C-alpha cells in the first residue's frame, strides 16, 4: 500500500462533516434567542410558559448537536482546522444556548412578570450577536469570505461591549432604587446570565478569529 493510500485511509469520508453541525448549532442559538425576545415582550403568562418550554427543547437540541461534534472529533483523524478550535467553538456556541436557557429558567422559576427595559435590551443584544455568530459560522466551510467572518466578529465584540454597559447600568440602578432585597437578587441573577450569553458569543467570535489567523 502506497503512502498516499495510507493517508487517504485516515481522511474522513466527509471532511466537511463538522460544518453542517456547526451551522445547525448556530441556527439553533438564533432560534432560542428569537424566542427569548418574544418571551420578554409577552404580557401573556400562558404564552410565556409555552415559550419557556420551547427554549428548553431547543437547548436540548443544542446539547445533542454539541455532543455529535465531540463524537465526530473523536472519530476523525484529520479535521478541517485545529481540533482544539473545533472543540472550543462547539463549546462556546453551546454555552450561548445554555445561558439563554439559564436566564429563561430563572425568569420562570422566579415568576417574573415585569420585564424591565435592561432585560429586554439584553435579549435584543443576544439576538443580534447570535445572528452575527451564525453568519460567521456559515462562512467557515471554505474560508473564502474572510472579510465577512471578521466583520461579524467585530460586530459581536461591539454588541458584547454594549451588553456590558447595559448590565453595569442596570445593576447600579438596582442597588440605588430597589428596596426589596429578594427582588434585587432575582433581577441581578437574570441580568448576569443574559450578559454572560453575550460573553459566550464573544468567545465564539474569538475562536473564529483564531481560526482565521491560523489559516491565513
N, C-alpha and C. Protein backbone atom coordinates (compact mmCIF):
# COMPACT_ATOMS: atom_id res chain seq x y z
N UNK A 1 0.86 -1.20 0.00
CA UNK A 1 0.00 0.00 0.00
C UNK A 1 0.89 1.24 0.00
N UNK A 2 0.63 2.18 -0.93
CA UNK A 2 1.44 3.38 -1.02
C UNK A 2 1.16 4.31 0.15
N UNK A 3 2.10 5.26 0.35
CA UNK A 3 1.94 6.24 1.43
C UNK A 3 0.67 7.05 1.23
N UNK A 4 0.37 7.40 -0.03
CA UNK A 4 -0.84 8.17 -0.33
C UNK A 4 -2.08 7.39 0.03
N UNK A 5 -2.06 6.09 -0.24
CA UNK A 5 -3.21 5.24 0.08
C UNK A 5 -3.43 5.16 1.58
N UNK A 6 -2.29 5.07 2.31
CA UNK A 6 -2.39 5.04 3.77
C UNK A 6 -3.00 6.35 4.27
N UNK A 7 -2.51 7.48 3.70
CA UNK A 7 -3.01 8.79 4.10
C UNK A 7 -4.52 8.90 3.84
N UNK A 8 -4.94 8.46 2.65
CA UNK A 8 -6.35 8.55 2.29
C UNK A 8 -7.22 7.69 3.22
N UNK A 9 -6.64 6.63 3.76
CA UNK A 9 -7.39 5.77 4.67
C UNK A 9 -7.84 6.54 5.91
N UNK A 10 -6.98 7.46 6.34
CA UNK A 10 -7.29 8.21 7.56
C UNK A 10 -8.13 9.46 7.29
N UNK A 11 -8.23 9.87 6.05
CA UNK A 11 -9.03 11.05 5.75
C UNK A 11 -10.51 10.70 5.89
N UNK A 12 -11.28 11.49 6.64
CA UNK A 12 -12.69 11.20 6.80
C UNK A 12 -13.42 11.23 5.47
N UNK A 13 -14.40 10.35 5.34
CA UNK A 13 -15.14 10.27 4.08
C UNK A 13 -15.78 11.60 3.74
N UNK A 14 -16.19 12.34 4.75
CA UNK A 14 -16.75 13.67 4.53
C UNK A 14 -15.99 14.64 5.40
N UNK A 15 -14.99 15.29 4.80
CA UNK A 15 -14.15 16.19 5.59
C UNK A 15 -14.92 17.40 6.07
N UNK A 16 -16.09 17.64 5.49
CA UNK A 16 -16.88 18.80 5.88
C UNK A 16 -18.01 18.43 6.84
N UNK A 17 -17.87 17.30 7.49
CA UNK A 17 -18.93 16.83 8.38
C UNK A 17 -19.17 17.81 9.52
N UNK A 18 -18.15 18.54 9.93
CA UNK A 18 -18.30 19.46 11.06
C UNK A 18 -19.12 20.69 10.71
N UNK A 19 -19.01 21.15 9.47
CA UNK A 19 -19.64 22.41 9.11
C UNK A 19 -21.17 22.40 9.19
N UNK A 20 -21.85 21.35 8.70
CA UNK A 20 -23.30 21.31 8.89
C UNK A 20 -23.70 21.29 10.36
N UNK A 21 -22.91 20.62 11.18
CA UNK A 21 -23.22 20.56 12.62
C UNK A 21 -23.04 21.93 13.26
N UNK A 22 -21.97 22.62 12.91
CA UNK A 22 -21.77 23.97 13.43
C UNK A 22 -22.91 24.90 12.99
N UNK A 23 -23.30 24.78 11.72
CA UNK A 23 -24.36 25.64 11.21
C UNK A 23 -25.69 25.36 11.89
N UNK A 24 -25.98 24.08 12.11
CA UNK A 24 -27.21 23.72 12.82
C UNK A 24 -27.19 24.25 14.25
N UNK A 25 -26.04 24.14 14.91
CA UNK A 25 -25.93 24.62 16.29
C UNK A 25 -26.11 26.14 16.36
N UNK A 26 -25.50 26.86 15.41
CA UNK A 26 -25.63 28.31 15.39
C UNK A 26 -27.06 28.73 15.05
N UNK A 27 -27.68 28.03 14.10
CA UNK A 27 -29.09 28.30 13.76
C UNK A 27 -29.98 28.08 14.97
N UNK A 28 -29.66 27.05 15.73
CA UNK A 28 -30.45 26.72 16.92
C UNK A 28 -30.35 27.84 17.96
N UNK A 29 -29.17 28.41 18.10
CA UNK A 29 -28.99 29.52 19.03
C UNK A 29 -29.82 30.73 18.59
N UNK A 30 -29.82 31.02 17.30
CA UNK A 30 -30.64 32.13 16.80
C UNK A 30 -32.12 31.88 17.12
N UNK A 31 -32.55 30.64 16.95
CA UNK A 31 -33.95 30.30 17.25
C UNK A 31 -34.26 30.51 18.73
N UNK A 32 -33.35 30.07 19.60
CA UNK A 32 -33.55 30.25 21.05
C UNK A 32 -33.57 31.73 21.40
N UNK A 33 -32.64 32.50 20.84
CA UNK A 33 -32.57 33.93 21.12
C UNK A 33 -33.83 34.65 20.64
N UNK A 34 -34.35 34.22 19.50
CA UNK A 34 -35.58 34.81 18.96
C UNK A 34 -36.75 34.57 19.91
N UNK A 35 -36.83 33.36 20.44
CA UNK A 35 -37.90 33.03 21.38
C UNK A 35 -37.72 33.81 22.69
N UNK A 36 -36.47 34.00 23.11
CA UNK A 36 -36.22 34.79 24.32
C UNK A 36 -36.76 36.21 24.16
N UNK A 37 -36.49 36.83 23.03
CA UNK A 37 -37.00 38.18 22.78
C UNK A 37 -38.52 38.20 22.82
N UNK A 38 -39.13 37.19 22.20
CA UNK A 38 -40.58 37.09 22.23
C UNK A 38 -41.09 36.92 23.66
N UNK A 39 -40.37 36.15 24.46
CA UNK A 39 -40.78 35.89 25.84
C UNK A 39 -40.80 37.16 26.68
N UNK A 40 -39.72 37.93 26.62
CA UNK A 40 -39.62 39.10 27.49
C UNK A 40 -40.52 40.24 27.02
N UNK A 41 -41.07 40.10 25.82
CA UNK A 41 -42.00 41.12 25.32
C UNK A 41 -43.46 40.66 25.38
N UNK A 42 -43.70 39.49 25.98
CA UNK A 42 -45.06 38.96 26.08
C UNK A 42 -45.69 39.35 27.42
N UNK A 43 -46.95 39.73 27.36
CA UNK A 43 -47.69 40.06 28.58
C UNK A 43 -48.63 38.93 28.99
N UNK A 44 -48.57 37.82 28.25
CA UNK A 44 -49.47 36.70 28.50
C UNK A 44 -48.72 35.58 29.21
N UNK A 45 -49.07 35.30 30.48
CA UNK A 45 -48.36 34.25 31.23
C UNK A 45 -48.42 32.88 30.56
N UNK A 46 -49.56 32.53 29.97
CA UNK A 46 -49.70 31.23 29.31
C UNK A 46 -48.77 31.15 28.10
N UNK A 47 -48.70 32.24 27.36
CA UNK A 47 -47.79 32.29 26.20
C UNK A 47 -46.35 32.15 26.64
N UNK A 48 -46.00 32.84 27.72
CA UNK A 48 -44.62 32.75 28.22
C UNK A 48 -44.29 31.33 28.67
N UNK A 49 -45.22 30.66 29.32
CA UNK A 49 -44.99 29.28 29.75
C UNK A 49 -44.66 28.39 28.55
N UNK A 50 -45.39 28.58 27.47
CA UNK A 50 -45.13 27.80 26.26
C UNK A 50 -43.77 28.14 25.67
N UNK A 51 -43.43 29.41 25.70
CA UNK A 51 -42.13 29.83 25.15
C UNK A 51 -40.97 29.30 25.99
N UNK A 52 -41.15 29.26 27.31
CA UNK A 52 -40.12 28.67 28.17
C UNK A 52 -39.88 27.21 27.81
N UNK A 53 -40.96 26.50 27.53
CA UNK A 53 -40.83 25.08 27.15
C UNK A 53 -40.11 24.94 25.81
N UNK A 54 -40.40 25.84 24.88
CA UNK A 54 -39.72 25.81 23.59
C UNK A 54 -38.21 26.04 23.75
N UNK A 55 -37.85 26.97 24.63
CA UNK A 55 -36.44 27.24 24.89
C UNK A 55 -35.75 26.00 25.45
N UNK A 56 -36.43 25.33 26.39
CA UNK A 56 -35.86 24.10 26.97
C UNK A 56 -35.62 23.04 25.90
N UNK A 57 -36.60 22.87 25.02
CA UNK A 57 -36.47 21.86 23.96
C UNK A 57 -35.31 22.19 23.02
N UNK A 58 -35.21 23.45 22.64
CA UNK A 58 -34.15 23.83 21.72
C UNK A 58 -32.77 23.74 22.38
N UNK A 59 -32.71 24.03 23.67
CA UNK A 59 -31.43 23.88 24.37
C UNK A 59 -30.99 22.43 24.37
N UNK A 60 -31.95 21.51 24.51
CA UNK A 60 -31.63 20.08 24.43
C UNK A 60 -31.13 19.70 23.04
N UNK A 61 -31.73 20.31 22.01
CA UNK A 61 -31.27 20.08 20.64
C UNK A 61 -29.82 20.54 20.51
N UNK A 62 -29.51 21.70 21.09
CA UNK A 62 -28.14 22.21 21.05
C UNK A 62 -27.17 21.27 21.73
N UNK A 63 -27.58 20.71 22.87
CA UNK A 63 -26.72 19.75 23.57
C UNK A 63 -26.41 18.55 22.69
N UNK A 64 -27.42 18.06 21.99
CA UNK A 64 -27.23 16.90 21.11
C UNK A 64 -26.27 17.23 19.96
N UNK A 65 -26.41 18.42 19.39
CA UNK A 65 -25.52 18.82 18.29
C UNK A 65 -24.08 18.94 18.78
N UNK A 66 -23.90 19.52 19.96
CA UNK A 66 -22.56 19.65 20.54
C UNK A 66 -21.96 18.28 20.79
N UNK A 67 -22.77 17.40 21.33
CA UNK A 67 -22.30 16.02 21.59
C UNK A 67 -21.88 15.34 20.29
N UNK A 68 -22.65 15.58 19.22
CA UNK A 68 -22.32 14.97 17.93
C UNK A 68 -21.01 15.51 17.39
N UNK A 69 -20.75 16.80 17.60
CA UNK A 69 -19.47 17.38 17.17
C UNK A 69 -18.32 16.72 17.91
N UNK A 70 -18.51 16.52 19.22
CA UNK A 70 -17.46 15.87 20.01
C UNK A 70 -17.22 14.44 19.52
N UNK A 71 -18.29 13.74 19.17
CA UNK A 71 -18.16 12.37 18.66
C UNK A 71 -17.36 12.37 17.35
N UNK A 72 -17.73 13.28 16.44
CA UNK A 72 -17.02 13.36 15.16
C UNK A 72 -15.55 13.74 15.37
N UNK A 73 -15.30 14.56 16.37
CA UNK A 73 -13.92 14.95 16.67
C UNK A 73 -13.10 13.73 17.09
N UNK A 74 -13.73 12.82 17.82
CA UNK A 74 -13.05 11.60 18.23
C UNK A 74 -12.88 10.60 17.11
N UNK A 75 -13.80 10.63 16.14
CA UNK A 75 -13.77 9.65 15.05
C UNK A 75 -12.81 10.03 13.93
N UNK A 76 -12.66 11.33 13.69
CA UNK A 76 -11.91 11.78 12.52
C UNK A 76 -10.47 12.12 12.85
N UNK A 77 -9.56 11.50 12.12
CA UNK A 77 -8.13 11.71 12.31
C UNK A 77 -7.71 13.06 11.77
N UNK A 78 -8.29 13.47 10.64
CA UNK A 78 -7.98 14.74 10.02
C UNK A 78 -9.21 15.64 10.11
N UNK A 79 -9.00 16.87 10.54
CA UNK A 79 -10.09 17.82 10.72
C UNK A 79 -9.84 19.07 9.87
N UNK A 80 -10.88 19.82 9.55
CA UNK A 80 -10.71 20.99 8.67
C UNK A 80 -9.88 22.10 9.30
N UNK A 81 -9.90 22.22 10.61
CA UNK A 81 -8.97 23.10 11.32
C UNK A 81 -8.65 22.48 12.67
N UNK A 82 -7.80 23.13 13.45
CA UNK A 82 -7.25 22.52 14.66
C UNK A 82 -8.34 21.95 15.57
N UNK A 83 -8.05 20.81 16.13
CA UNK A 83 -9.03 20.10 16.96
C UNK A 83 -9.46 20.94 18.16
N UNK A 84 -8.49 21.63 18.77
CA UNK A 84 -8.85 22.44 19.95
C UNK A 84 -9.77 23.59 19.58
N UNK A 85 -9.64 24.10 18.35
CA UNK A 85 -10.52 25.18 17.90
C UNK A 85 -11.92 24.65 17.62
N UNK A 86 -12.01 23.46 17.07
CA UNK A 86 -13.32 22.84 16.85
C UNK A 86 -14.03 22.64 18.19
N UNK A 87 -13.29 22.11 19.15
CA UNK A 87 -13.86 21.88 20.49
C UNK A 87 -14.27 23.20 21.14
N UNK A 88 -13.40 24.21 21.04
CA UNK A 88 -13.68 25.50 21.67
C UNK A 88 -14.89 26.19 21.04
N UNK A 89 -15.00 26.10 19.71
CA UNK A 89 -16.13 26.74 19.03
C UNK A 89 -17.44 26.04 19.37
N UNK A 90 -17.43 24.72 19.35
CA UNK A 90 -18.63 23.96 19.72
C UNK A 90 -19.06 24.29 21.15
N UNK A 91 -18.10 24.38 22.05
CA UNK A 91 -18.40 24.67 23.45
C UNK A 91 -18.97 26.07 23.61
N UNK A 92 -18.38 27.04 22.91
CA UNK A 92 -18.84 28.43 23.03
C UNK A 92 -20.26 28.58 22.51
N UNK A 93 -20.56 27.96 21.36
CA UNK A 93 -21.91 28.04 20.81
C UNK A 93 -22.91 27.41 21.77
N UNK A 94 -22.53 26.27 22.34
CA UNK A 94 -23.41 25.59 23.30
C UNK A 94 -23.60 26.44 24.55
N UNK A 95 -22.55 27.13 24.97
CA UNK A 95 -22.64 27.97 26.17
C UNK A 95 -23.60 29.15 25.97
N UNK A 96 -23.70 29.66 24.75
CA UNK A 96 -24.68 30.72 24.48
C UNK A 96 -26.08 30.20 24.76
N UNK A 97 -26.38 29.03 24.20
CA UNK A 97 -27.70 28.43 24.40
C UNK A 97 -27.95 28.13 25.88
N UNK A 98 -26.92 27.63 26.56
CA UNK A 98 -27.06 27.30 27.98
C UNK A 98 -27.42 28.54 28.81
N UNK A 99 -26.76 29.66 28.51
CA UNK A 99 -27.02 30.87 29.28
C UNK A 99 -28.39 31.48 28.97
N UNK A 100 -28.81 31.38 27.72
CA UNK A 100 -30.16 31.85 27.38
C UNK A 100 -31.20 31.03 28.14
N UNK A 101 -31.01 29.71 28.12
CA UNK A 101 -31.94 28.84 28.85
C UNK A 101 -31.87 29.09 30.35
N UNK A 102 -30.65 29.34 30.84
CA UNK A 102 -30.48 29.61 32.26
C UNK A 102 -31.24 30.87 32.68
N UNK A 103 -31.16 31.90 31.87
CA UNK A 103 -31.89 33.13 32.17
C UNK A 103 -33.39 32.90 32.10
N UNK A 104 -33.83 32.17 31.07
CA UNK A 104 -35.27 31.89 30.93
C UNK A 104 -35.78 31.06 32.10
N UNK A 105 -34.98 30.09 32.54
CA UNK A 105 -35.38 29.27 33.69
C UNK A 105 -35.56 30.12 34.94
N UNK A 106 -34.66 31.05 35.15
CA UNK A 106 -34.77 31.92 36.31
C UNK A 106 -36.01 32.81 36.22
N UNK A 107 -36.27 33.33 35.04
CA UNK A 107 -37.48 34.13 34.85
C UNK A 107 -38.72 33.33 35.21
N UNK A 108 -38.73 32.08 34.78
CA UNK A 108 -39.87 31.20 35.02
C UNK A 108 -39.97 30.82 36.50
N UNK A 109 -38.87 30.35 37.07
CA UNK A 109 -38.88 29.90 38.46
C UNK A 109 -39.14 31.03 39.44
N UNK A 110 -38.66 32.23 39.11
CA UNK A 110 -38.85 33.38 39.98
C UNK A 110 -40.18 34.10 39.73
N UNK A 111 -40.96 33.55 38.79
CA UNK A 111 -42.28 34.13 38.45
C UNK A 111 -42.17 35.60 38.07
N UNK A 112 -41.19 35.90 37.22
CA UNK A 112 -41.01 37.28 36.77
C UNK A 112 -42.09 37.63 35.75
N UNK A 113 -42.80 38.70 36.01
CA UNK A 113 -43.79 39.16 35.03
C UNK A 113 -43.58 40.62 34.66
N UNK A 114 -42.59 41.25 35.29
CA UNK A 114 -42.24 42.63 34.97
C UNK A 114 -40.86 42.62 34.32
N UNK A 115 -40.85 42.62 33.00
CA UNK A 115 -39.59 42.56 32.28
C UNK A 115 -39.10 43.98 32.02
N UNK A 116 -38.01 44.33 32.69
CA UNK A 116 -37.51 45.69 32.65
C UNK A 116 -36.87 46.01 31.31
N UNK A 117 -36.64 47.29 31.09
CA UNK A 117 -36.00 47.74 29.85
C UNK A 117 -34.62 47.09 29.67
N UNK A 118 -33.77 47.03 30.72
CA UNK A 118 -32.47 46.37 30.54
C UNK A 118 -32.59 44.89 30.15
N UNK A 119 -33.55 44.17 30.72
CA UNK A 119 -33.75 42.77 30.35
C UNK A 119 -34.11 42.66 28.87
N UNK A 120 -35.01 43.51 28.42
CA UNK A 120 -35.42 43.49 27.01
C UNK A 120 -34.25 43.89 26.10
N UNK A 121 -33.47 44.86 26.56
CA UNK A 121 -32.33 45.31 25.75
C UNK A 121 -31.28 44.21 25.64
N UNK A 122 -31.00 43.54 26.75
CA UNK A 122 -30.03 42.44 26.70
C UNK A 122 -30.51 41.30 25.81
N UNK A 123 -31.81 41.01 25.86
CA UNK A 123 -32.36 39.97 24.98
C UNK A 123 -32.16 40.35 23.52
N UNK A 124 -32.40 41.63 23.20
CA UNK A 124 -32.19 42.10 21.82
C UNK A 124 -30.72 41.98 21.41
N UNK A 125 -29.82 42.31 22.32
CA UNK A 125 -28.40 42.24 22.03
C UNK A 125 -27.93 40.80 21.83
N UNK A 126 -28.49 39.89 22.63
CA UNK A 126 -28.17 38.46 22.46
C UNK A 126 -28.58 38.00 21.07
N UNK A 127 -29.77 38.41 20.64
CA UNK A 127 -30.24 38.02 19.31
C UNK A 127 -29.33 38.59 18.23
N UNK A 128 -28.94 39.87 18.37
CA UNK A 128 -28.03 40.48 17.39
C UNK A 128 -26.72 39.71 17.30
N UNK A 129 -26.14 39.41 18.46
CA UNK A 129 -24.87 38.69 18.48
C UNK A 129 -25.02 37.29 17.91
N UNK A 130 -26.14 36.64 18.21
CA UNK A 130 -26.39 35.28 17.72
C UNK A 130 -26.51 35.25 16.20
N UNK A 131 -27.17 36.25 15.65
CA UNK A 131 -27.32 36.33 14.19
C UNK A 131 -25.97 36.50 13.52
N UNK A 132 -25.12 37.37 14.09
CA UNK A 132 -23.80 37.56 13.52
C UNK A 132 -22.92 36.33 13.70
N UNK A 133 -23.08 35.65 14.83
CA UNK A 133 -22.33 34.41 15.05
C UNK A 133 -22.71 33.38 14.00
N UNK A 134 -24.00 33.26 13.72
CA UNK A 134 -24.48 32.31 12.71
C UNK A 134 -23.96 32.66 11.33
N UNK A 135 -23.92 33.96 11.00
CA UNK A 135 -23.38 34.41 9.71
C UNK A 135 -21.91 34.02 9.57
N UNK A 136 -21.14 34.24 10.62
CA UNK A 136 -19.71 33.91 10.58
C UNK A 136 -19.49 32.41 10.46
N UNK A 137 -20.26 31.63 11.20
CA UNK A 137 -20.13 30.17 11.16
C UNK A 137 -20.39 29.64 9.75
N UNK A 138 -21.39 30.22 9.07
CA UNK A 138 -21.72 29.76 7.71
C UNK A 138 -20.55 29.97 6.74
N UNK A 139 -19.71 30.96 7.02
CA UNK A 139 -18.59 31.27 6.12
C UNK A 139 -17.36 30.40 6.38
N UNK A 140 -17.38 29.62 7.45
CA UNK A 140 -16.20 28.84 7.82
C UNK A 140 -15.90 27.70 6.86
N UNK A 141 -16.92 27.23 6.15
CA UNK A 141 -16.75 26.00 5.39
C UNK A 141 -15.74 26.10 4.25
N UNK A 142 -15.50 27.32 3.76
CA UNK A 142 -14.48 27.42 2.71
C UNK A 142 -13.45 28.52 2.98
N UNK A 143 -13.73 29.37 3.97
CA UNK A 143 -12.82 30.46 4.36
C UNK A 143 -12.46 31.36 3.18
N UNK A 144 -13.39 31.47 2.23
CA UNK A 144 -13.14 32.37 1.10
C UNK A 144 -13.55 33.80 1.42
N UNK A 145 -14.56 33.93 2.28
CA UNK A 145 -15.06 35.27 2.63
C UNK A 145 -14.56 35.66 4.02
N UNK A 146 -13.25 35.76 4.13
CA UNK A 146 -12.62 36.06 5.42
C UNK A 146 -13.11 37.40 5.96
N UNK A 147 -13.29 38.38 5.08
CA UNK A 147 -13.73 39.71 5.49
C UNK A 147 -15.11 39.64 6.16
N UNK A 148 -16.00 38.80 5.62
CA UNK A 148 -17.33 38.66 6.20
C UNK A 148 -17.26 38.09 7.61
N UNK A 149 -16.39 37.09 7.80
CA UNK A 149 -16.25 36.50 9.12
C UNK A 149 -15.70 37.54 10.10
N UNK A 150 -14.65 38.25 9.67
CA UNK A 150 -14.03 39.26 10.53
C UNK A 150 -15.03 40.36 10.90
N UNK A 151 -15.83 40.80 9.92
CA UNK A 151 -16.82 41.85 10.18
C UNK A 151 -17.86 41.39 11.20
N UNK A 152 -18.31 40.14 11.05
CA UNK A 152 -19.28 39.60 12.01
C UNK A 152 -18.68 39.53 13.41
N UNK A 153 -17.43 39.12 13.50
CA UNK A 153 -16.77 39.04 14.80
C UNK A 153 -16.62 40.41 15.44
N UNK A 154 -16.32 41.42 14.63
CA UNK A 154 -16.22 42.80 15.13
C UNK A 154 -17.56 43.26 15.68
N UNK A 155 -18.63 42.95 14.95
CA UNK A 155 -19.97 43.36 15.41
C UNK A 155 -20.34 42.65 16.71
N UNK A 156 -19.95 41.38 16.82
CA UNK A 156 -20.22 40.64 18.06
C UNK A 156 -19.50 41.29 19.23
N UNK A 157 -18.24 41.67 19.02
CA UNK A 157 -17.48 42.34 20.08
C UNK A 157 -18.14 43.65 20.49
N UNK A 158 -18.65 44.37 19.50
CA UNK A 158 -19.33 45.64 19.79
C UNK A 158 -20.61 45.40 20.60
N UNK A 159 -21.36 44.38 20.22
CA UNK A 159 -22.58 44.04 20.95
C UNK A 159 -22.26 43.66 22.39
N UNK A 160 -21.18 42.89 22.58
CA UNK A 160 -20.79 42.48 23.93
C UNK A 160 -20.44 43.69 24.79
N UNK A 161 -19.78 44.68 24.18
CA UNK A 161 -19.46 45.90 24.91
C UNK A 161 -20.73 46.65 25.31
N UNK A 162 -21.71 46.69 24.40
CA UNK A 162 -22.98 47.32 24.72
C UNK A 162 -23.68 46.59 25.86
N UNK A 163 -23.61 45.26 25.83
CA UNK A 163 -24.26 44.45 26.87
C UNK A 163 -23.61 44.71 28.23
N UNK A 164 -22.27 44.86 28.24
CA UNK A 164 -21.58 45.18 29.48
C UNK A 164 -22.11 46.47 30.08
N UNK A 165 -22.27 47.49 29.23
CA UNK A 165 -22.76 48.78 29.70
C UNK A 165 -24.19 48.67 30.24
N UNK A 166 -25.05 47.98 29.49
CA UNK A 166 -26.44 47.82 29.92
C UNK A 166 -26.51 47.09 31.26
N UNK A 167 -25.70 46.04 31.38
CA UNK A 167 -25.68 45.27 32.63
C UNK A 167 -25.18 46.12 33.80
N UNK A 168 -24.06 46.79 33.62
CA UNK A 168 -23.50 47.60 34.70
C UNK A 168 -24.47 48.69 35.14
N UNK A 169 -25.10 49.36 34.18
CA UNK A 169 -26.04 50.43 34.49
C UNK A 169 -27.27 49.86 35.21
N UNK A 170 -27.75 48.72 34.75
CA UNK A 170 -28.94 48.10 35.34
C UNK A 170 -28.68 47.67 36.78
N UNK A 171 -27.51 47.08 37.03
CA UNK A 171 -27.18 46.63 38.39
C UNK A 171 -26.99 47.83 39.30
N UNK A 172 -26.35 48.87 38.80
CA UNK A 172 -26.19 50.08 39.60
C UNK A 172 -27.55 50.66 39.99
N UNK A 173 -28.48 50.68 39.03
CA UNK A 173 -29.83 51.19 39.32
C UNK A 173 -30.56 50.31 40.33
N UNK A 174 -30.35 49.00 40.24
CA UNK A 174 -30.97 48.10 41.21
C UNK A 174 -30.53 48.45 42.64
N UNK A 175 -29.23 48.64 42.81
CA UNK A 175 -28.71 48.96 44.15
C UNK A 175 -29.13 50.36 44.60
N UNK A 176 -29.38 51.25 43.65
CA UNK A 176 -29.78 52.60 44.01
C UNK A 176 -31.26 52.69 44.38
N UNK A 177 -32.09 51.97 43.63
CA UNK A 177 -33.53 52.21 43.73
C UNK A 177 -34.36 51.03 44.25
N UNK A 178 -33.86 49.80 44.15
CA UNK A 178 -34.67 48.64 44.55
C UNK A 178 -34.55 48.42 46.06
N UNK A 179 -35.68 48.51 46.74
CA UNK A 179 -35.68 48.35 48.20
C UNK A 179 -35.97 46.92 48.65
N UNK A 180 -36.50 46.10 47.74
CA UNK A 180 -36.80 44.71 48.05
C UNK A 180 -35.56 43.87 47.74
N UNK A 181 -34.90 43.38 48.80
CA UNK A 181 -33.63 42.65 48.63
C UNK A 181 -33.80 41.38 47.80
N UNK A 182 -34.90 40.66 48.02
CA UNK A 182 -35.12 39.42 47.27
C UNK A 182 -35.31 39.71 45.78
N UNK A 183 -36.10 40.74 45.49
CA UNK A 183 -36.32 41.12 44.10
C UNK A 183 -35.00 41.56 43.45
N UNK A 184 -34.18 42.28 44.22
CA UNK A 184 -32.89 42.73 43.70
C UNK A 184 -32.03 41.53 43.30
N UNK A 185 -31.99 40.52 44.16
CA UNK A 185 -31.18 39.32 43.87
C UNK A 185 -31.70 38.61 42.63
N UNK A 186 -33.02 38.47 42.53
CA UNK A 186 -33.61 37.80 41.37
C UNK A 186 -33.22 38.49 40.06
N UNK A 187 -33.40 39.82 40.04
CA UNK A 187 -33.13 40.55 38.80
C UNK A 187 -31.63 40.58 38.49
N UNK A 188 -30.81 40.67 39.50
CA UNK A 188 -29.37 40.68 39.26
C UNK A 188 -28.91 39.36 38.65
N UNK A 189 -29.45 38.24 39.14
CA UNK A 189 -29.09 36.93 38.58
C UNK A 189 -29.51 36.82 37.12
N UNK A 190 -30.71 37.27 36.83
CA UNK A 190 -31.21 37.21 35.45
C UNK A 190 -30.36 38.07 34.53
N UNK A 191 -30.09 39.29 34.97
CA UNK A 191 -29.27 40.20 34.16
C UNK A 191 -27.88 39.63 33.92
N UNK A 192 -27.28 39.05 34.96
CA UNK A 192 -25.94 38.49 34.84
C UNK A 192 -25.90 37.33 33.86
N UNK A 193 -26.92 36.48 33.89
CA UNK A 193 -26.95 35.33 32.98
C UNK A 193 -27.17 35.78 31.54
N UNK A 194 -28.00 36.79 31.34
CA UNK A 194 -28.21 37.33 30.00
C UNK A 194 -26.91 37.95 29.47
N UNK A 195 -26.24 38.73 30.31
CA UNK A 195 -24.99 39.35 29.88
C UNK A 195 -23.94 38.29 29.56
N UNK A 196 -23.94 37.21 30.32
CA UNK A 196 -22.98 36.14 30.09
C UNK A 196 -23.19 35.47 28.73
N UNK A 197 -24.43 35.46 28.27
CA UNK A 197 -24.72 34.89 26.95
C UNK A 197 -23.99 35.68 25.87
N UNK A 198 -23.93 37.01 26.02
CA UNK A 198 -23.19 37.81 25.04
C UNK A 198 -21.68 37.56 25.17
N UNK A 199 -21.21 37.29 26.39
CA UNK A 199 -19.80 36.93 26.58
C UNK A 199 -19.46 35.66 25.80
N UNK A 200 -20.38 34.69 25.82
CA UNK A 200 -20.15 33.43 25.12
C UNK A 200 -20.16 33.63 23.60
N UNK A 201 -20.99 34.57 23.13
CA UNK A 201 -20.95 34.91 21.70
C UNK A 201 -19.59 35.48 21.34
N UNK A 202 -19.05 36.32 22.23
CA UNK A 202 -17.72 36.88 22.00
C UNK A 202 -16.66 35.78 22.03
N UNK A 203 -16.82 34.80 22.92
CA UNK A 203 -15.89 33.67 22.95
C UNK A 203 -15.88 32.95 21.60
N UNK A 204 -17.07 32.72 21.05
CA UNK A 204 -17.17 32.06 19.74
C UNK A 204 -16.49 32.90 18.67
N UNK A 205 -16.70 34.22 18.74
CA UNK A 205 -16.06 35.12 17.77
C UNK A 205 -14.54 35.06 17.90
N UNK A 206 -14.04 35.00 19.13
CA UNK A 206 -12.59 34.93 19.35
C UNK A 206 -12.01 33.64 18.76
N UNK A 207 -12.74 32.54 18.90
CA UNK A 207 -12.27 31.27 18.33
C UNK A 207 -12.21 31.38 16.81
N UNK A 208 -13.24 31.97 16.21
CA UNK A 208 -13.27 32.09 14.76
C UNK A 208 -12.17 33.02 14.26
N UNK A 209 -11.86 34.07 15.02
CA UNK A 209 -10.75 34.93 14.64
C UNK A 209 -9.42 34.17 14.71
N UNK A 210 -9.28 33.30 15.71
CA UNK A 210 -8.09 32.47 15.83
C UNK A 210 -7.97 31.53 14.63
N UNK A 211 -9.10 30.96 14.20
CA UNK A 211 -9.10 30.09 13.02
C UNK A 211 -8.66 30.84 11.79
N UNK A 212 -9.12 32.10 11.66
CA UNK A 212 -8.71 32.92 10.51
C UNK A 212 -7.21 33.15 10.50
N UNK A 213 -6.65 33.47 11.67
CA UNK A 213 -5.21 33.73 11.76
C UNK A 213 -4.42 32.47 11.39
N UNK A 214 -4.85 31.32 11.90
CA UNK A 214 -4.13 30.09 11.65
C UNK A 214 -4.21 29.64 10.21
N UNK A 215 -5.28 30.04 9.53
CA UNK A 215 -5.48 29.58 8.14
C UNK A 215 -5.25 30.69 7.13
N UNK A 216 -4.64 31.78 7.58
CA UNK A 216 -4.38 32.90 6.67
C UNK A 216 -3.35 32.52 5.61
